[in-house]
Amino acid sequence: MTVAPVVVDVLSAVLLLTGALTCLLGAVGLVRLPDLPARLQAATKPQTLGLLLILAGTALRVPLESAVTLVLVGLFQVITAPVISQLLGRSAYRSGTVRRDGMVVDELADKMPEERPS
């Protein structure tokens, strides 16, 4: 059973446009959100989802060998984006650029070394 090329074209276009819109909303979040943790959220989740949708839409249009490469690109993005976000957030927390008074839960406070007076 073969799928009509029109169906593949429409599905690919929907995936590509949805992915582009998701990436655009993530970029707007980077500009509009007030603090670093919120910006990290906007930089990782919508951008990763948008890229995965774009890769899926592209995979429908390319030969199978190239689609396998796109799957690897998506896998590396899913693996590395949360790790990088975690490292940036922890670095910002340790350097004092994250406002702690606005946090509902602060799990790192107990793990931070006591500040010594200079």
N, C-alpha and C. Protein backbone atom coordinates (compact mmCIF):
# COMPACT_ATOMS: atom_id res chain seq x y z
N MET A 1 0.84 -1.18 0.00
CA MET A 1 0.00 0.00 0.00
C MET A 1 0.88 1.24 0.00
N THR A 2 0.74 2.08 -0.97
CA THR A 2 1.53 3.31 -1.06
C THR A 2 0.68 4.51 -0.68
N VAL A 3 1.33 5.47 -0.09
CA VAL A 3 0.65 6.69 0.32
C VAL A 3 0.77 7.67 -0.85
N ALA A 4 -0.31 8.34 -1.12
CA ALA A 4 -0.31 9.31 -2.22
C ALA A 4 0.70 10.42 -1.93
N PRO A 5 1.42 10.86 -2.99
CA PRO A 5 2.42 11.92 -2.77
C PRO A 5 1.82 13.21 -2.21
N VAL A 6 0.56 13.46 -2.50
CA VAL A 6 -0.08 14.67 -1.97
C VAL A 6 -0.19 14.60 -0.46
N VAL A 7 -0.50 13.42 0.06
CA VAL A 7 -0.63 13.25 1.51
C VAL A 7 0.74 13.46 2.18
N VAL A 8 1.78 12.93 1.58
CA VAL A 8 3.13 13.10 2.13
C VAL A 8 3.53 14.57 2.08
N ASP A 9 3.21 15.25 0.99
CA ASP A 9 3.52 16.68 0.87
C ASP A 9 2.80 17.51 1.92
N VAL A 10 1.53 17.22 2.13
CA VAL A 10 0.74 17.97 3.11
C VAL A 10 1.26 17.70 4.53
N LEU A 11 1.52 16.43 4.85
CA LEU A 11 2.02 16.08 6.18
C LEU A 11 3.38 16.72 6.42
N SER A 12 4.24 16.68 5.41
CA SER A 12 5.56 17.30 5.53
C SER A 12 5.44 18.81 5.75
N ALA A 13 4.56 19.45 5.00
CA ALA A 13 4.37 20.89 5.15
C ALA A 13 3.83 21.25 6.53
N VAL A 14 2.90 20.46 7.03
CA VAL A 14 2.35 20.71 8.37
C VAL A 14 3.43 20.55 9.43
N LEU A 15 4.24 19.51 9.32
CA LEU A 15 5.31 19.31 10.30
C LEU A 15 6.35 20.43 10.23
N LEU A 16 6.72 20.83 9.02
CA LEU A 16 7.71 21.90 8.87
C LEU A 16 7.19 23.23 9.41
N LEU A 17 5.96 23.56 9.10
CA LEU A 17 5.40 24.83 9.57
C LEU A 17 5.18 24.83 11.08
N THR A 18 4.72 23.72 11.61
CA THR A 18 4.53 23.63 13.07
C THR A 18 5.88 23.73 13.79
N GLY A 19 6.89 23.07 13.25
CA GLY A 19 8.23 23.16 13.84
C GLY A 19 8.78 24.57 13.78
N ALA A 20 8.58 25.23 12.65
CA ALA A 20 9.06 26.62 12.52
C ALA A 20 8.34 27.54 13.49
N LEU A 21 7.04 27.34 13.64
CA LEU A 21 6.27 28.17 14.57
C LEU A 21 6.71 27.92 16.01
N THR A 22 6.97 26.67 16.35
CA THR A 22 7.44 26.35 17.70
C THR A 22 8.79 27.00 17.98
N CYS A 23 9.70 26.95 17.01
CA CYS A 23 11.00 27.61 17.17
C CYS A 23 10.84 29.12 17.31
N LEU A 24 9.92 29.69 16.54
CA LEU A 24 9.68 31.13 16.63
C LEU A 24 9.14 31.51 18.01
N LEU A 25 8.23 30.72 18.54
CA LEU A 25 7.71 31.00 19.88
C LEU A 25 8.79 30.86 20.94
N GLY A 26 9.69 29.90 20.77
CA GLY A 26 10.81 29.77 21.69
C GLY A 26 11.72 30.98 21.64
N ALA A 27 11.96 31.50 20.43
CA ALA A 27 12.80 32.69 20.28
C ALA A 27 12.13 33.91 20.90
N VAL A 28 10.82 34.03 20.75
CA VAL A 28 10.09 35.13 21.39
C VAL A 28 10.19 35.00 22.91
N GLY A 29 10.13 33.77 23.41
CA GLY A 29 10.28 33.55 24.85
C GLY A 29 11.64 33.96 25.36
N LEU A 30 12.68 33.75 24.55
CA LEU A 30 14.02 34.19 24.96
C LEU A 30 14.09 35.69 25.14
N VAL A 31 13.37 36.41 24.31
CA VAL A 31 13.41 37.87 24.37
C VAL A 31 12.48 38.41 25.46
N ARG A 32 11.31 37.79 25.62
CA ARG A 32 10.27 38.36 26.48
C ARG A 32 10.30 37.89 27.93
N LEU A 33 10.83 36.72 28.21
CA LEU A 33 10.76 36.20 29.57
C LEU A 33 11.73 36.95 30.49
N PRO A 34 11.39 37.10 31.77
CA PRO A 34 12.11 38.03 32.64
C PRO A 34 13.43 37.53 33.22
N ASP A 35 13.58 36.24 33.49
CA ASP A 35 14.78 35.80 34.20
C ASP A 35 15.42 34.61 33.51
N LEU A 36 16.60 34.26 33.98
CA LEU A 36 17.40 33.22 33.34
C LEU A 36 16.74 31.84 33.35
N PRO A 37 16.17 31.36 34.46
CA PRO A 37 15.55 30.03 34.41
C PRO A 37 14.40 29.95 33.38
N ALA A 38 13.62 30.99 33.29
CA ALA A 38 12.54 31.00 32.31
C ALA A 38 13.09 31.04 30.89
N ARG A 39 14.14 31.78 30.69
CA ARG A 39 14.76 31.85 29.36
C ARG A 39 15.40 30.53 28.97
N LEU A 40 16.00 29.84 29.95
CA LEU A 40 16.55 28.52 29.65
C LEU A 40 15.44 27.55 29.24
N GLN A 41 14.30 27.67 29.88
CA GLN A 41 13.16 26.83 29.51
C GLN A 41 12.74 27.12 28.08
N ALA A 42 12.69 28.39 27.72
CA ALA A 42 12.30 28.77 26.36
C ALA A 42 13.37 28.39 25.35
N ALA A 43 14.61 28.31 25.79
CA ALA A 43 15.69 27.98 24.85
C ALA A 43 15.79 26.49 24.59
N THR A 44 15.30 25.66 25.49
CA THR A 44 15.49 24.22 25.31
C THR A 44 14.24 23.51 24.82
N LYS A 45 13.16 23.61 25.53
CA LYS A 45 12.00 22.79 25.20
C LYS A 45 11.36 23.12 23.86
N PRO A 46 10.95 24.36 23.61
CA PRO A 46 10.34 24.63 22.31
C PRO A 46 11.32 24.50 21.15
N GLN A 47 12.57 24.86 21.38
CA GLN A 47 13.55 24.76 20.31
C GLN A 47 13.81 23.30 19.95
N THR A 48 13.89 22.44 20.94
CA THR A 48 14.10 21.02 20.67
C THR A 48 12.89 20.42 19.97
N LEU A 49 11.70 20.72 20.46
CA LEU A 49 10.49 20.21 19.81
C LEU A 49 10.39 20.74 18.39
N GLY A 50 10.67 22.01 18.19
CA GLY A 50 10.61 22.59 16.85
C GLY A 50 11.59 21.92 15.91
N LEU A 51 12.80 21.70 16.37
CA LEU A 51 13.79 21.03 15.53
C LEU A 51 13.35 19.62 15.20
N LEU A 52 12.82 18.89 16.17
CA LEU A 52 12.36 17.52 15.91
C LEU A 52 11.22 17.50 14.88
N LEU A 53 10.31 18.45 14.97
CA LEU A 53 9.23 18.52 13.97
C LEU A 53 9.78 18.86 12.59
N ILE A 54 10.73 19.77 12.53
CA ILE A 54 11.34 20.12 11.24
C ILE A 54 12.09 18.92 10.67
N LEU A 55 12.81 18.21 11.51
CA LEU A 55 13.53 17.02 11.04
C LEU A 55 12.55 15.94 10.56
N ALA A 56 11.43 15.78 11.26
CA ALA A 56 10.44 14.78 10.84
C ALA A 56 9.83 15.18 9.49
N GLY A 57 9.52 16.45 9.33
CA GLY A 57 8.98 16.91 8.05
C GLY A 57 9.97 16.76 6.92
N THR A 58 11.24 16.99 7.22
CA THR A 58 12.28 16.82 6.21
C THR A 58 12.51 15.35 5.89
N ALA A 59 12.44 14.51 6.91
CA ALA A 59 12.66 13.07 6.71
C ALA A 59 11.63 12.46 5.76
N LEU A 60 10.44 13.04 5.72
CA LEU A 60 9.42 12.54 4.79
C LEU A 60 9.77 12.86 3.34
N ARG A 61 10.62 13.84 3.12
CA ARG A 61 10.91 14.31 1.76
C ARG A 61 12.22 13.79 1.19
N VAL A 62 13.07 13.20 2.02
CA VAL A 62 14.39 12.78 1.56
C VAL A 62 14.47 11.25 1.47
N PRO A 63 15.51 10.73 0.81
CA PRO A 63 15.69 9.27 0.78
C PRO A 63 15.95 8.70 2.17
N LEU A 64 15.80 7.40 2.29
CA LEU A 64 15.91 6.72 3.58
C LEU A 64 17.28 6.92 4.23
N GLU A 65 18.36 6.91 3.45
CA GLU A 65 19.70 7.07 4.02
C GLU A 65 19.84 8.43 4.71
N SER A 66 19.30 9.45 4.10
CA SER A 66 19.36 10.78 4.70
C SER A 66 18.43 10.88 5.90
N ALA A 67 17.32 10.19 5.88
CA ALA A 67 16.38 10.21 7.00
C ALA A 67 17.01 9.60 8.24
N VAL A 68 17.84 8.57 8.06
CA VAL A 68 18.53 7.97 9.20
C VAL A 68 19.49 8.99 9.81
N THR A 69 20.16 9.76 9.00
CA THR A 69 21.04 10.82 9.50
C THR A 69 20.25 11.86 10.28
N LEU A 70 19.06 12.20 9.80
CA LEU A 70 18.23 13.16 10.51
C LEU A 70 17.78 12.62 11.86
N VAL A 71 17.55 11.32 11.94
CA VAL A 71 17.20 10.71 13.23
C VAL A 71 18.36 10.85 14.20
N LEU A 72 19.58 10.67 13.73
CA LEU A 72 20.75 10.84 14.60
C LEU A 72 20.90 12.29 15.07
N VAL A 73 20.64 13.23 14.18
CA VAL A 73 20.70 14.65 14.56
C VAL A 73 19.67 14.93 15.66
N GLY A 74 18.46 14.42 15.50
CA GLY A 74 17.42 14.61 16.51
C GLY A 74 17.79 13.95 17.84
N LEU A 75 18.37 12.77 17.78
CA LEU A 75 18.77 12.07 19.00
C LEU A 75 19.84 12.86 19.76
N PHE A 76 20.84 13.36 19.04
CA PHE A 76 21.88 14.15 19.71
C PHE A 76 21.32 15.44 20.30
N GLN A 77 20.36 16.04 19.64
CA GLN A 77 19.73 17.26 20.17
C GLN A 77 18.97 16.95 21.46
N VAL A 78 18.24 15.85 21.47
CA VAL A 78 17.46 15.48 22.65
C VAL A 78 18.38 15.14 23.83
N ILE A 79 19.54 14.58 23.53
CA ILE A 79 20.48 14.21 24.59
C ILE A 79 21.23 15.43 25.13
N THR A 80 21.67 16.32 24.24
CA THR A 80 22.56 17.40 24.68
C THR A 80 21.85 18.64 25.19
N ALA A 81 20.69 18.98 24.68
CA ALA A 81 20.02 20.22 25.09
C ALA A 81 19.70 20.28 26.59
N PRO A 82 19.14 19.22 27.19
CA PRO A 82 18.89 19.31 28.64
C PRO A 82 20.17 19.39 29.48
N VAL A 83 21.22 18.72 29.03
CA VAL A 83 22.48 18.75 29.78
C VAL A 83 23.07 20.16 29.76
N ILE A 84 23.08 20.78 28.59
CA ILE A 84 23.62 22.14 28.47
C ILE A 84 22.79 23.12 29.29
N SER A 85 21.48 22.97 29.24
CA SER A 85 20.60 23.84 30.01
C SER A 85 20.85 23.68 31.51
N GLN A 86 21.04 22.46 31.96
CA GLN A 86 21.31 22.19 33.37
C GLN A 86 22.64 22.84 33.79
N LEU A 87 23.65 22.70 32.95
CA LEU A 87 24.95 23.29 33.27
C LEU A 87 24.89 24.81 33.31
N LEU A 88 24.20 25.42 32.37
CA LEU A 88 24.07 26.88 32.37
C LEU A 88 23.28 27.36 33.59
N GLY A 89 22.21 26.68 33.91
CA GLY A 89 21.41 27.06 35.07
C GLY A 89 22.18 26.94 36.37
N ARG A 90 22.94 25.87 36.51
CA ARG A 90 23.73 25.68 37.73
C ARG A 90 24.85 26.71 37.82
N SER A 91 25.47 27.02 36.69
CA SER A 91 26.52 28.05 36.69
C SER A 91 25.96 29.42 37.07
N ALA A 92 24.80 29.73 36.53
CA ALA A 92 24.17 31.01 36.87
C ALA A 92 23.78 31.05 38.34
N TYR A 93 23.31 29.95 38.87
CA TYR A 93 22.93 29.88 40.28
C TYR A 93 24.16 30.09 41.16
N ARG A 94 25.24 29.41 40.83
CA ARG A 94 26.46 29.51 41.64
C ARG A 94 27.10 30.89 41.56
N SER A 95 26.96 31.56 40.41
CA SER A 95 27.56 32.88 40.27
C SER A 95 26.69 33.98 40.90
N GLY A 96 25.46 33.64 41.27
CA GLY A 96 24.60 34.60 41.94
C GLY A 96 23.74 35.43 41.01
N THR A 97 23.67 35.09 39.74
CA THR A 97 22.85 35.87 38.81
C THR A 97 21.39 35.45 38.81
N VAL A 98 21.07 34.35 39.46
CA VAL A 98 19.67 33.91 39.57
C VAL A 98 19.10 34.45 40.87
N ARG A 99 17.96 35.11 40.77
CA ARG A 99 17.29 35.64 41.98
C ARG A 99 16.67 34.49 42.75
N ARG A 100 17.11 34.28 43.95
CA ARG A 100 16.62 33.17 44.76
C ARG A 100 15.34 33.49 45.50
N ASP A 101 15.01 34.77 45.66
CA ASP A 101 13.81 35.13 46.40
C ASP A 101 12.54 34.80 45.62
N GLY A 102 12.61 34.63 44.33
CA GLY A 102 11.43 34.31 43.54
C GLY A 102 11.22 32.82 43.34
N MET A 103 12.10 32.00 43.89
CA MET A 103 12.00 30.55 43.71
C MET A 103 11.00 29.97 44.69
N VAL A 104 10.19 29.06 44.22
CA VAL A 104 9.26 28.35 45.09
C VAL A 104 10.00 27.23 45.81
N VAL A 105 10.82 26.49 45.08
CA VAL A 105 11.63 25.41 45.64
C VAL A 105 13.07 25.67 45.26
N ASP A 106 13.96 25.60 46.23
CA ASP A 106 15.39 25.81 45.98
C ASP A 106 16.15 24.60 46.48
N GLU A 107 16.33 23.62 45.60
CA GLU A 107 16.98 22.37 45.99
C GLU A 107 18.50 22.49 46.08
N LEU A 108 19.06 23.51 45.48
CA LEU A 108 20.52 23.66 45.52
C LEU A 108 21.01 24.41 46.75
N ALA A 109 20.14 25.05 47.49
CA ALA A 109 20.56 25.86 48.63
C ALA A 109 21.31 25.01 49.67
N ASP A 110 20.85 23.79 49.91
CA ASP A 110 21.50 22.93 50.90
C ASP A 110 22.84 22.40 50.40
N LYS A 111 23.02 22.36 49.10
CA LYS A 111 24.24 21.79 48.53
C LYS A 111 25.32 22.82 48.26
N MET A 112 24.99 24.09 48.43
CA MET A 112 25.96 25.15 48.19
C MET A 112 26.85 25.31 49.41
N PRO A 113 28.15 25.54 49.22
CA PRO A 113 29.03 25.78 50.37
C PRO A 113 28.67 27.11 51.02
N GLU A 114 28.92 27.19 52.32
CA GLU A 114 28.63 28.43 53.05
C GLU A 114 29.57 29.52 52.54
N GLU A 115 29.01 30.72 52.39
CA GLU A 115 29.81 31.86 51.95
C GLU A 115 30.65 32.35 53.12
N ARG A 116 31.92 32.56 52.85
CA ARG A 116 32.82 33.04 53.90
C ARG A 116 32.97 34.55 53.79
N PRO A 117 32.92 35.24 54.91
CA PRO A 117 33.13 36.71 54.84
C PRO A 117 34.55 37.01 54.39
N SER A 118 34.69 38.05 53.56
CA SER A 118 36.03 38.39 53.07
C SER A 118 36.75 39.33 54.00
